[in-house]
Amino acid sequence: MPDTVQYLNVSAALWSAIAATFAAITTVLLWRTEQQSFRHSARPELVLAGWQRSQDSKEPSGPERIVFSAIENVGRGPALHVHINSFSLADDDRPKTVMSTIRQSLIATGSRVSVQGEISIWWNNVARSPGSKSVPLSIDILCWDTTGVRYHTEYKLFVVELSPSVDVADSIAPGVMLATRTVTQAPVWRLKLHRSLSKVPLIGKCFRLE
């Protein structure tokens, strides 16, 4: 009889522990779901619009320009401290693509902001023979949401030198193809941690910022 009572006590304790474990897991999952829903409701989504391609008629040998005239926030939350830039160099450190940095303190949800985004392409600094030159082009967009999460949107474009036979797929302007558009995100505390760890000797190179 005592053995039976002891067995029942152990079984009751075991099932109680299992129930407590499942309750804890359920609580964590609910909290995580609420956090993801909250962050999703605050997430901005920035899109570049109004693409064109032009060249200064006063400087035929000067740079061509890939131009976008607006930034749209199609996300659910406002975008704070927006920073847009693009820059690349040739092997001899001459500029291939240059863009003046665009800064906006706030782009509200569902709004469209007019900007003057001009990316100059110096074909004279791009290798290969005339008529067959091309250059990959990256545009980096940084912004923060109201919960302290940083978003990095990267546009990867492929630009070919204009000629009568030019024809590119998924073009957003003549001879300009949108290859990819990717978005990554990271909380500010994680970025600060990476920055601190990157300064530690020996292991610092393993913690490089995005």
C-alpha atoms as a PDB file:
ATOM      1  CA  MET A   1       0.000   0.000   0.000  1.00  0.00           C
ATOM      2  CA  PRO A   2       2.754   2.517   0.836  1.00  0.00           C
ATOM      3  CA  ASP A   3       4.420   1.724  -2.509  1.00  0.00           C
ATOM      4  CA  THR A   4       1.168   2.477  -4.304  1.00  0.00           C
ATOM      5  CA  VAL A   5       0.769   5.785  -2.501  1.00  0.00           C
ATOM      6  CA  GLN A   6       4.361   6.712  -3.281  1.00  0.00           C
ATOM      7  CA  TYR A   7       3.848   5.802  -6.957  1.00  0.00           C
ATOM      8  CA  LEU A   8       0.730   7.941  -7.126  1.00  0.00           C
ATOM      9  CA  ASN A   9       2.550  10.853  -5.515  1.00  0.00           C
ATOM     10  CA  VAL A  10       5.421  10.583  -8.007  1.00  0.00           C
ATOM     11  CA  SER A  11       2.991  10.355 -10.938  1.00  0.00           C
ATOM     12  CA  ALA A  12       1.067  13.384  -9.700  1.00  0.00           C
ATOM     13  CA  ALA A  13       4.296  15.358  -9.305  1.00  0.00           C
ATOM     14  CA  LEU A  14       5.453  14.300 -12.779  1.00  0.00           C
ATOM     15  CA  TRP A  15       2.208  15.305 -14.453  1.00  0.00           C
ATOM     16  CA  SER A  16       2.212  18.565 -12.508  1.00  0.00           C
ATOM     17  CA  ALA A  17       5.728  19.309 -13.797  1.00  0.00           C
ATOM     18  CA  ILE A  18       4.705  18.456 -17.360  1.00  0.00           C
ATOM     19  CA  ALA A  19       1.651  20.710 -17.101  1.00  0.00           C
ATOM     20  CA  ALA A  20       3.772  23.549 -15.708  1.00  0.00           C
ATOM     21  CA  THR A  21       6.281  23.111 -18.541  1.00  0.00           C
ATOM     22  CA  PHE A  22       3.579  23.250 -21.212  1.00  0.00           C
ATOM     23  CA  ALA A  23       2.061  26.302 -19.519  1.00  0.00           C
ATOM     24  CA  ALA A  24       5.456  28.053 -19.569  1.00  0.00           C
ATOM     25  CA  ILE A  25       6.000  27.172 -23.243  1.00  0.00           C
ATOM     26  CA  THR A  26       2.518  28.430 -24.114  1.00  0.00           C
ATOM     27  CA  THR A  27       3.194  31.701 -22.269  1.00  0.00           C
ATOM     28  CA  VAL A  28       6.480  32.220 -24.118  1.00  0.00           C
ATOM     29  CA  LEU A  29       4.873  31.469 -27.495  1.00  0.00           C
ATOM     30  CA  LEU A  30       2.017  33.891 -26.790  1.00  0.00           C
ATOM     31  CA  TRP A  31       4.487  36.574 -25.718  1.00  0.00           C
ATOM     32  CA  ARG A  32       6.590  36.006 -28.851  1.00  0.00           C
ATOM     33  CA  THR A  33       3.488  36.166 -31.075  1.00  0.00           C
ATOM     34  CA  GLU A  34       2.413  39.426 -29.443  1.00  0.00           C
ATOM     35  CA  GLN A  35       5.890  40.885 -29.886  1.00  0.00           C
ATOM     36  CA  GLN A  36       5.999  39.914 -33.560  1.00  0.00           C
ATOM     37  CA  SER A  37       2.529  41.351 -34.109  1.00  0.00           C
ATOM     38  CA  PHE A  38       3.521  44.573 -32.363  1.00  0.00           C
ATOM     39  CA  ARG A  39       6.707  44.918 -34.398  1.00  0.00           C
ATOM     40  CA  HIS A  40       4.893  44.099 -37.604  1.00  0.00           C
ATOM     41  CA  SER A  41       2.388  46.876 -36.872  1.00  0.00           C
ATOM     42  CA  ALA A  42       5.307  49.325 -36.471  1.00  0.00           C
ATOM     43  CA  ARG A  43       7.323  48.133 -39.500  1.00  0.00           C
ATOM     44  CA  PRO A  44       8.018  50.714 -42.224  1.00  0.00           C
ATOM     45  CA  GLU A  45       8.504  49.633 -45.847  1.00  0.00           C
ATOM     46  CA  LEU A  46      10.311  52.132 -48.070  1.00  0.00           C
ATOM     47  CA  VAL A  47      10.043  51.993 -51.856  1.00  0.00           C
ATOM     48  CA  LEU A  48      11.871  54.196 -54.376  1.00  0.00           C
ATOM     49  CA  ALA A  49       9.712  55.479 -57.235  1.00  0.00           C
ATOM     50  CA  GLY A  50       9.768  57.811 -60.242  1.00  0.00           C
ATOM     51  CA  TRP A  51      12.764  56.309 -62.038  1.00  0.00           C
ATOM     52  CA  GLN A  52      14.353  58.031 -65.034  1.00  0.00           C
ATOM     53  CA  ARG A  53      17.640  58.080 -66.898  1.00  0.00           C
ATOM     54  CA  SER A  54      19.237  61.231 -68.280  1.00  0.00           C
ATOM     55  CA  GLN A  55      22.498  62.785 -69.447  1.00  0.00           C
ATOM     56  CA  ASP A  56      23.551  66.416 -69.306  1.00  0.00           C
ATOM     57  CA  SER A  57      23.381  67.728 -72.875  1.00  0.00           C
ATOM     58  CA  LYS A  58      25.976  70.382 -71.997  1.00  0.00           C
ATOM     59  CA  GLU A  59      28.514  67.694 -71.084  1.00  0.00           C
ATOM     60  CA  PRO A  60      28.265  64.806 -73.603  1.00  0.00           C
ATOM     61  CA  SER A  61      31.320  63.159 -72.063  1.00  0.00           C
ATOM     62  CA  GLY A  62      30.060  63.682 -68.530  1.00  0.00           C
ATOM     63  CA  PRO A  63      28.277  61.181 -66.322  1.00  0.00           C
ATOM     64  CA  GLU A  64      24.888  59.666 -66.974  1.00  0.00           C
ATOM     65  CA  ARG A  65      22.322  59.932 -64.210  1.00  0.00           C
ATOM     66  CA  ILE A  66      19.892  57.389 -62.862  1.00  0.00           C
ATOM     67  CA  VAL A  67      17.199  59.380 -61.097  1.00  0.00           C
ATOM     68  CA  PHE A  68      14.401  58.562 -58.652  1.00  0.00           C
ATOM     69  CA  SER A  69      12.045  61.324 -57.582  1.00  0.00           C
ATOM     70  CA  ALA A  70      10.074  59.907 -54.645  1.00  0.00           C
ATOM     71  CA  ILE A  71      10.186  57.668 -51.577  1.00  0.00           C
ATOM     72  CA  GLU A  72       7.007  55.877 -50.571  1.00  0.00           C
ATOM     73  CA  ASN A  73       6.349  54.303 -47.184  1.00  0.00           C
ATOM     74  CA  VAL A  74       3.985  51.407 -47.918  1.00  0.00           C
ATOM     75  CA  GLY A  75       4.490  49.796 -44.509  1.00  0.00           C
ATOM     76  CA  ARG A  76       2.369  49.926 -41.364  1.00  0.00           C
ATOM     77  CA  GLY A  77       4.594  52.208 -39.285  1.00  0.00           C
ATOM     78  CA  PRO A  78       6.475  55.491 -39.745  1.00  0.00           C
ATOM     79  CA  ALA A  79      10.120  55.466 -40.884  1.00  0.00           C
ATOM     80  CA  LEU A  80      12.468  57.498 -38.689  1.00  0.00           C
ATOM     81  CA  HIS A  81      15.935  58.873 -39.496  1.00  0.00           C
ATOM     82  CA  VAL A  82      15.925  57.759 -43.143  1.00  0.00           C
ATOM     83  CA  HIS A  83      19.358  57.651 -44.766  1.00  0.00           C
ATOM     84  CA  ILE A  84      19.885  56.780 -48.476  1.00  0.00           C
ATOM     85  CA  ASN A  85      23.239  56.471 -50.225  1.00  0.00           C
ATOM     86  CA  SER A  86      25.094  54.774 -53.076  1.00  0.00           C
ATOM     87  CA  PHE A  87      28.789  54.733 -53.967  1.00  0.00           C
ATOM     88  CA  SER A  88      31.238  52.474 -55.791  1.00  0.00           C
ATOM     89  CA  LEU A  89      34.823  52.708 -57.014  1.00  0.00           C
ATOM     90  CA  ALA A  90      36.790  51.249 -59.908  1.00  0.00           C
ATOM     91  CA  ASP A  91      39.887  49.127 -59.268  1.00  0.00           C
ATOM     92  CA  ASP A  92      42.080  52.257 -59.461  1.00  0.00           C
ATOM     93  CA  ASP A  93      39.851  54.074 -56.901  1.00  0.00           C
ATOM     94  CA  ARG A  94      38.207  56.328 -59.477  1.00  0.00           C
ATOM     95  CA  PRO A  95      34.451  56.754 -58.859  1.00  0.00           C
ATOM     96  CA  LYS A  96      32.112  54.616 -60.969  1.00  0.00           C
ATOM     97  CA  THR A  97      28.829  55.513 -59.299  1.00  0.00           C
ATOM     98  CA  VAL A  98      28.233  58.420 -56.921  1.00  0.00           C
ATOM     99  CA  MET A  99      25.110  59.657 -55.177  1.00  0.00           C
ATOM    100  CA  SER A 100      24.562  62.546 -52.784  1.00  0.00           C
ATOM    101  CA  THR A 101      23.222  61.265 -49.462  1.00  0.00           C
ATOM    102  CA  ILE A 102      19.500  61.802 -48.863  1.00  0.00           C
ATOM    103  CA  ARG A 103      18.253  62.283 -45.309  1.00  0.00           C
ATOM    104  CA  GLN A 104      14.677  62.477 -44.066  1.00  0.00           C
ATOM    105  CA  SER A 105      13.811  62.718 -40.381  1.00  0.00           C
ATOM    106  CA  LEU A 106      10.356  61.156 -40.832  1.00  0.00           C
ATOM    107  CA  ILE A 107       8.315  59.484 -43.571  1.00  0.00           C
ATOM    108  CA  ALA A 108       4.817  58.825 -42.282  1.00  0.00           C
ATOM    109  CA  THR A 109       2.840  55.682 -43.001  1.00  0.00           C
ATOM    110  CA  GLY A 110       1.192  55.780 -46.428  1.00  0.00           C
ATOM    111  CA  SER A 111       2.981  58.969 -47.473  1.00  0.00           C
ATOM    112  CA  ARG A 112       5.031  59.824 -50.554  1.00  0.00           C
ATOM    113  CA  VAL A 113       7.952  62.231 -50.188  1.00  0.00           C
ATOM    114  CA  SER A 114       9.444  64.034 -53.186  1.00  0.00           C
ATOM    115  CA  VAL A 115      13.248  63.843 -53.331  1.00  0.00           C
ATOM    116  CA  GLN A 116      16.018  64.492 -55.823  1.00  0.00           C
ATOM    117  CA  GLY A 117      17.846  61.200 -55.943  1.00  0.00           C
ATOM    118  CA  GLU A 118      20.558  61.329 -58.611  1.00  0.00           C
ATOM    119  CA  ILE A 119      23.132  58.582 -59.097  1.00  0.00           C
ATOM    120  CA  SER A 120      25.923  59.607 -61.466  1.00  0.00           C
ATOM    121  CA  ILE A 121      27.545  56.869 -63.556  1.00  0.00           C
ATOM    122  CA  TRP A 122      31.026  57.609 -64.928  1.00  0.00           C
ATOM    123  CA  TRP A 123      31.295  55.256 -67.892  1.00  0.00           C
ATOM    124  CA  ASN A 124      34.872  56.436 -68.592  1.00  0.00           C
ATOM    125  CA  ASN A 125      35.865  54.738 -65.319  1.00  0.00           C
ATOM    126  CA  VAL A 126      34.086  51.466 -66.126  1.00  0.00           C
ATOM    127  CA  ALA A 127      36.163  48.728 -67.765  1.00  0.00           C
ATOM    128  CA  ARG A 128      35.292  47.000 -71.087  1.00  0.00           C
ATOM    129  CA  SER A 129      35.019  48.351 -74.598  1.00  0.00           C
ATOM    130  CA  PRO A 130      32.510  51.112 -75.518  1.00  0.00           C
ATOM    131  CA  GLY A 131      29.055  49.822 -76.375  1.00  0.00           C
ATOM    132  CA  SER A 132      29.229  46.811 -74.071  1.00  0.00           C
ATOM    133  CA  LYS A 133      29.813  48.389 -70.682  1.00  0.00           C
ATOM    134  CA  SER A 134      27.687  47.530 -67.671  1.00  0.00           C
ATOM    135  CA  VAL A 135      27.860  48.242 -63.972  1.00  0.00           C
ATOM    136  CA  PRO A 136      26.157  46.769 -60.891  1.00  0.00           C
ATOM    137  CA  LEU A 137      24.665  49.398 -58.632  1.00  0.00           C
ATOM    138  CA  SER A 138      23.598  49.156 -54.980  1.00  0.00           C
ATOM    139  CA  ILE A 139      21.419  51.654 -53.124  1.00  0.00           C
ATOM    140  CA  ASP A 140      21.366  51.379 -49.336  1.00  0.00           C
ATOM    141  CA  ILE A 141      18.407  52.675 -47.326  1.00  0.00           C
ATOM    142  CA  LEU A 142      18.580  52.786 -43.535  1.00  0.00           C
ATOM    143  CA  CYS A 143      15.701  53.711 -41.241  1.00  0.00           C
ATOM    144  CA  TRP A 144      14.384  52.995 -37.750  1.00  0.00           C
ATOM    145  CA  ASP A 145      10.886  52.220 -36.492  1.00  0.00           C
ATOM    146  CA  THR A 146       9.265  53.458 -33.278  1.00  0.00           C
ATOM    147  CA  THR A 147      10.253  50.302 -31.345  1.00  0.00           C
ATOM    148  CA  GLY A 148      14.007  50.741 -31.828  1.00  0.00           C
ATOM    149  CA  VAL A 149      14.517  48.332 -34.733  1.00  0.00           C
ATOM    150  CA  ARG A 150      16.781  49.306 -37.625  1.00  0.00           C
ATOM    151  CA  TYR A 151      15.836  48.326 -41.189  1.00  0.00           C
ATOM    152  CA  HIS A 152      18.323  48.036 -44.037  1.00  0.00           C
ATOM    153  CA  THR A 153      16.774  47.995 -47.500  1.00  0.00           C
ATOM    154  CA  GLU A 154      19.154  47.273 -50.368  1.00  0.00           C
ATOM    155  CA  TYR A 155      18.315  47.852 -54.025  1.00  0.00           C
ATOM    156  CA  LYS A 156      20.607  46.008 -56.424  1.00  0.00           C
ATOM    157  CA  LEU A 157      20.395  47.413 -59.963  1.00  0.00           C
ATOM    158  CA  PHE A 158      22.146  46.386 -63.167  1.00  0.00           C
ATOM    159  CA  VAL A 159      22.853  49.262 -65.575  1.00  0.00           C
ATOM    160  CA  VAL A 160      24.038  48.866 -69.162  1.00  0.00           C
ATOM    161  CA  GLU A 161      25.429  51.533 -71.433  1.00  0.00           C
ATOM    162  CA  LEU A 162      22.695  52.754 -73.780  1.00  0.00           C
ATOM    163  CA  SER A 163      22.793  51.619 -77.401  1.00  0.00           C
ATOM    164  CA  PRO A 164      20.147  50.894 -80.091  1.00  0.00           C
ATOM    165  CA  SER A 165      20.257  47.189 -79.207  1.00  0.00           C
ATOM    166  CA  VAL A 166      19.840  47.611 -75.452  1.00  0.00           C
ATOM    167  CA  ASP A 167      17.057  45.503 -73.984  1.00  0.00           C
ATOM    168  CA  VAL A 168      16.951  44.463 -70.327  1.00  0.00           C
ATOM    169  CA  ALA A 169      14.334  42.534 -68.386  1.00  0.00           C
ATOM    170  CA  ASP A 170      12.510  43.988 -65.369  1.00  0.00           C
ATOM    171  CA  SER A 171      13.561  47.485 -66.390  1.00  0.00           C
ATOM    172  CA  ILE A 172      12.652  50.457 -64.202  1.00  0.00           C
ATOM    173  CA  ALA A 173      14.280  52.919 -66.640  1.00  0.00           C
ATOM    174  CA  PRO A 174      15.962  52.520 -70.054  1.00  0.00           C
ATOM    175  CA  GLY A 175      18.840  50.070 -69.640  1.00  0.00           C
ATOM    176  CA  VAL A 176      18.292  49.785 -65.877  1.00  0.00           C
ATOM    177  CA  MET A 177      17.236  46.429 -64.415  1.00  0.00           C
ATOM    178  CA  LEU A 178      16.044  45.864 -60.860  1.00  0.00           C
ATOM    179  CA  ALA A 179      17.937  42.711 -59.867  1.00  0.00           C
ATOM    180  CA  THR A 180      16.933  42.338 -56.212  1.00  0.00           C
ATOM    181  CA  ARG A 181      15.416  44.276 -53.342  1.00  0.00           C
ATOM    182  CA  THR A 182      16.111  42.893 -49.878  1.00  0.00           C
ATOM    183  CA  VAL A 183      15.231  44.040 -46.350  1.00  0.00           C
ATOM    184  CA  THR A 184      17.023  43.029 -43.149  1.00  0.00           C
ATOM    185  CA  GLN A 185      16.261  44.184 -39.626  1.00  0.00           C
ATOM    186  CA  ALA A 186      18.012  44.223 -36.254  1.00  0.00           C
ATOM    187  CA  PRO A 187      17.175  45.711 -32.837  1.00  0.00           C
ATOM    188  CA  VAL A 188      19.343  48.629 -31.739  1.00  0.00           C
ATOM    189  CA  TRP A 189      20.604  46.723 -28.672  1.00  0.00           C
ATOM    190  CA  ARG A 190      21.963  43.984 -30.935  1.00  0.00           C
ATOM    191  CA  LEU A 191      23.728  46.518 -33.146  1.00  0.00           C
ATOM    192  CA  LYS A 192      25.333  48.123 -30.082  1.00  0.00           C
ATOM    193  CA  LEU A 193      26.415  44.709 -28.806  1.00  0.00           C
ATOM    194  CA  HIS A 194      28.011  43.859 -32.151  1.00  0.00           C
ATOM    195  CA  ARG A 195      29.767  47.220 -32.189  1.00  0.00           C
ATOM    196  CA  SER A 196      31.176  46.630 -28.708  1.00  0.00           C
ATOM    197  CA  LEU A 197      32.275  43.059 -29.467  1.00  0.00           C
ATOM    198  CA  SER A 198      33.895  44.144 -32.754  1.00  0.00           C
ATOM    199  CA  LYS A 199      36.402  46.187 -30.707  1.00  0.00           C
ATOM    200  CA  VAL A 200      37.541  43.192 -28.677  1.00  0.00           C
ATOM    201  CA  PRO A 201      40.995  41.937 -29.770  1.00  0.00           C
ATOM    202  CA  LEU A 202      41.169  38.602 -31.607  1.00  0.00           C
ATOM    203  CA  ILE A 203      37.419  37.901 -31.632  1.00  0.00           C
ATOM    204  CA  GLY A 204      36.376  41.315 -32.887  1.00  0.00           C
ATOM    205  CA  LYS A 205      36.513  40.317 -36.556  1.00  0.00           C
ATOM    206  CA  CYS A 206      33.792  37.734 -35.927  1.00  0.00           C
ATOM    207  CA  PHE A 207      31.305  40.447 -34.924  1.00  0.00           C
ATOM    208  CA  ARG A 208      31.105  42.764 -37.868  1.00  0.00           C
ATOM    209  CA  LEU A 209      28.115  44.989 -38.393  1.00  0.00           C
ATOM    210  CA  GLU A 210      25.830  44.399 -41.353  1.00  0.00           C
END
